[in-house]
C-alpha atoms as a PDB file:
ATOM      1  CA  MET A   1      32.917  -5.113   0.315  1.00  0.00           C
ATOM      2  CA  GLY A   2      34.277  -3.083  -2.026  1.00  0.00           C
ATOM      3  CA  SER A   3      32.977  -0.594  -4.070  1.00  0.00           C
ATOM      4  CA  SER A   4      31.992  -2.762  -6.431  1.00  0.00           C
ATOM      5  CA  GLY A   5      30.033  -4.565  -4.191  1.00  0.00           C
ATOM      6  CA  GLY A   6      28.049  -1.532  -3.453  1.00  0.00           C
ATOM      7  CA  SER A   7      27.670  -0.696  -7.039  1.00  0.00           C
ATOM      8  CA  ALA A   8      26.178  -4.528  -7.634  1.00  0.00           C
ATOM      9  CA  HIS A   9      23.688  -3.844  -5.202  1.00  0.00           C
ATOM     10  CA  ALA A  10      22.418  -0.105  -6.200  1.00  0.00           C
ATOM     11  CA  ASP A  11      22.440  -1.613 -10.353  1.00  0.00           C
ATOM     12  CA  THR A  12      19.897  -4.494  -8.282  1.00  0.00           C
ATOM     13  CA  ALA A  13      18.161  -1.983  -6.973  1.00  0.00           C
ATOM     14  CA  LEU A  14      17.422   0.030  -9.963  1.00  0.00           C
ATOM     15  CA  ASP A  15      16.955  -3.293 -11.815  1.00  0.00           C
ATOM     16  CA  ILE A  16      14.115  -4.124  -9.610  1.00  0.00           C
ATOM     17  CA  ARG A  17      12.155  -0.771  -9.279  1.00  0.00           C
ATOM     18  CA  ARG A  18      12.288  -0.569 -13.592  1.00  0.00           C
ATOM     19  CA  GLN A  19      10.257  -3.753 -13.257  1.00  0.00           C
ATOM     20  CA  LEU A  20       7.789  -2.708 -10.308  1.00  0.00           C
ATOM     21  CA  SER A  21       4.945  -0.931 -11.499  1.00  0.00           C
ATOM     22  CA  THR A  22       4.631   2.866 -12.148  1.00  0.00           C
ATOM     23  CA  ALA A  23       1.971   3.478  -9.716  1.00  0.00           C
ATOM     24  CA  ASN A  24       1.161   5.783  -7.027  1.00  0.00           C
ATOM     25  CA  GLU A  25       1.667   4.692  -3.551  1.00  0.00           C
ATOM     26  CA  VAL A  26      -0.188   5.669  -0.133  1.00  0.00           C
ATOM     27  CA  ALA A  27       0.863   4.610   2.817  1.00  0.00           C
ATOM     28  CA  VAL A  28      -1.724   3.666   5.714  1.00  0.00           C
ATOM     29  CA  ILE A  29      -0.601   4.219   8.735  1.00  0.00           C
ATOM     30  CA  GLY A  30      -2.777   3.281  12.160  1.00  0.00           C
ATOM     31  CA  SER A  31      -3.818   1.626  15.187  1.00  0.00           C
ATOM     32  CA  SER A  32      -4.562  -2.389  15.544  1.00  0.00           C
ATOM     33  CA  SER A  33      -7.450  -0.942  17.222  1.00  0.00           C
ATOM     34  CA  PHE A  34     -10.314   0.992  16.570  1.00  0.00           C
ATOM     35  CA  TRP A  35     -10.485   3.915  19.235  1.00  0.00           C
ATOM     36  CA  HIS A  36     -13.967   5.540  17.957  1.00  0.00           C
ATOM     37  CA  HIS A  37     -17.213   4.076  17.259  1.00  0.00           C
ATOM     38  CA  ASP A  38     -16.920   4.928  13.440  1.00  0.00           C
ATOM     39  CA  SER A  39     -13.147   3.778  13.024  1.00  0.00           C
ATOM     40  CA  ALA A  40     -13.904   1.252  11.102  1.00  0.00           C
ATOM     41  CA  ALA A  41     -17.020   2.635   8.813  1.00  0.00           C
ATOM     42  CA  THR A  42     -14.248   5.729   8.117  1.00  0.00           C
ATOM     43  CA  CYS A  43     -11.736   2.618   7.388  1.00  0.00           C
ATOM     44  CA  ARG A  44     -13.777   1.536   5.000  1.00  0.00           C
ATOM     45  CA  HIS A  45     -15.222   4.885   3.300  1.00  0.00           C
ATOM     46  CA  ILE A  46     -11.233   5.736   2.779  1.00  0.00           C
ATOM     47  CA  GLY A  47     -10.565   2.417   0.659  1.00  0.00           C
ATOM     48  CA  LYS A  48     -13.651   2.790  -1.217  1.00  0.00           C
ATOM     49  CA  LYS A  49     -12.757   6.102  -2.303  1.00  0.00           C
ATOM     50  CA  LEU A  50      -8.732   5.368  -2.851  1.00  0.00           C
ATOM     51  CA  ALA A  51     -10.330   2.568  -5.070  1.00  0.00           C
ATOM     52  CA  GLU A  52     -11.672   5.415  -7.637  1.00  0.00           C
ATOM     53  CA  LEU A  53      -8.280   6.609  -8.073  1.00  0.00           C
ATOM     54  CA  SER A  54      -6.678   4.929 -11.158  1.00  0.00           C
ATOM     55  CA  SER A  55      -2.645   3.359 -10.560  1.00  0.00           C
ATOM     56  CA  LEU A  56      -2.933   3.281  -6.836  1.00  0.00           C
ATOM     57  CA  ALA A  57      -0.796   1.302  -4.696  1.00  0.00           C
ATOM     58  CA  ILE A  58      -1.551   0.363  -1.013  1.00  0.00           C
ATOM     59  CA  VAL A  59       0.996   0.351   1.292  1.00  0.00           C
ATOM     60  CA  THR A  60       0.534  -1.203   4.925  1.00  0.00           C
ATOM     61  CA  GLY A  61       2.114  -2.580   8.033  1.00  0.00           C
ATOM     62  CA  GLY A  62       0.753  -5.627   7.328  1.00  0.00           C
ATOM     63  CA  MET A  63      -1.216  -5.441  10.818  1.00  0.00           C
ATOM     64  CA  GLU A  64      -4.856  -6.121  11.468  1.00  0.00           C
ATOM     65  CA  GLY A  65      -6.326  -2.701  12.248  1.00  0.00           C
ATOM     66  CA  VAL A  66      -6.901   0.345  10.482  1.00  0.00           C
ATOM     67  CA  GLY A  67      -4.422  -0.687   7.736  1.00  0.00           C
ATOM     68  CA  GLU A  68      -5.949  -4.216   7.300  1.00  0.00           C
ATOM     69  CA  THR A  69      -9.583  -2.300   7.281  1.00  0.00           C
ATOM     70  CA  VAL A  70      -8.713   0.230   4.240  1.00  0.00           C
ATOM     71  CA  ALA A  71      -6.438  -1.967   1.950  1.00  0.00           C
ATOM     72  CA  ARG A  72      -9.424  -4.700   2.301  1.00  0.00           C
ATOM     73  CA  THR A  73     -11.566  -2.585   1.111  1.00  0.00           C
ATOM     74  CA  PHE A  74      -9.726  -1.093  -1.559  1.00  0.00           C
ATOM     75  CA  PHE A  75      -9.047  -4.431  -2.685  1.00  0.00           C
ATOM     76  CA  ASP A  76     -12.759  -5.291  -2.351  1.00  0.00           C
ATOM     77  CA  CYS A  77     -13.305  -2.121  -4.618  1.00  0.00           C
ATOM     78  CA  LEU A  78     -11.377  -2.496  -7.314  1.00  0.00           C
ATOM     79  CA  PRO A  79     -12.747  -3.697 -10.988  1.00  0.00           C
ATOM     80  CA  HIS A  80     -10.871  -6.962 -10.504  1.00  0.00           C
ATOM     81  CA  ALA A  81      -9.329  -6.537 -13.719  1.00  0.00           C
ATOM     82  CA  VAL A  82      -5.863  -5.823 -11.948  1.00  0.00           C
END
């Protein structure tokens, strides 16, 4: 691929980025298992508190466990005017 191909990819990436929300992003990384008896409750509390912030996007690895629990609680606690 020549240099023009690389430039086209860069232009495409920039175009996509311009179209995306300017929201802040929080990555939630954790186990697919809860290792402490309070872990699920802690994840739900964090999701609820994050939902109180404006212009926030949650990024997870897409697996069940910590990421899913935080993200689902976050979504459930949004005012749903999204």
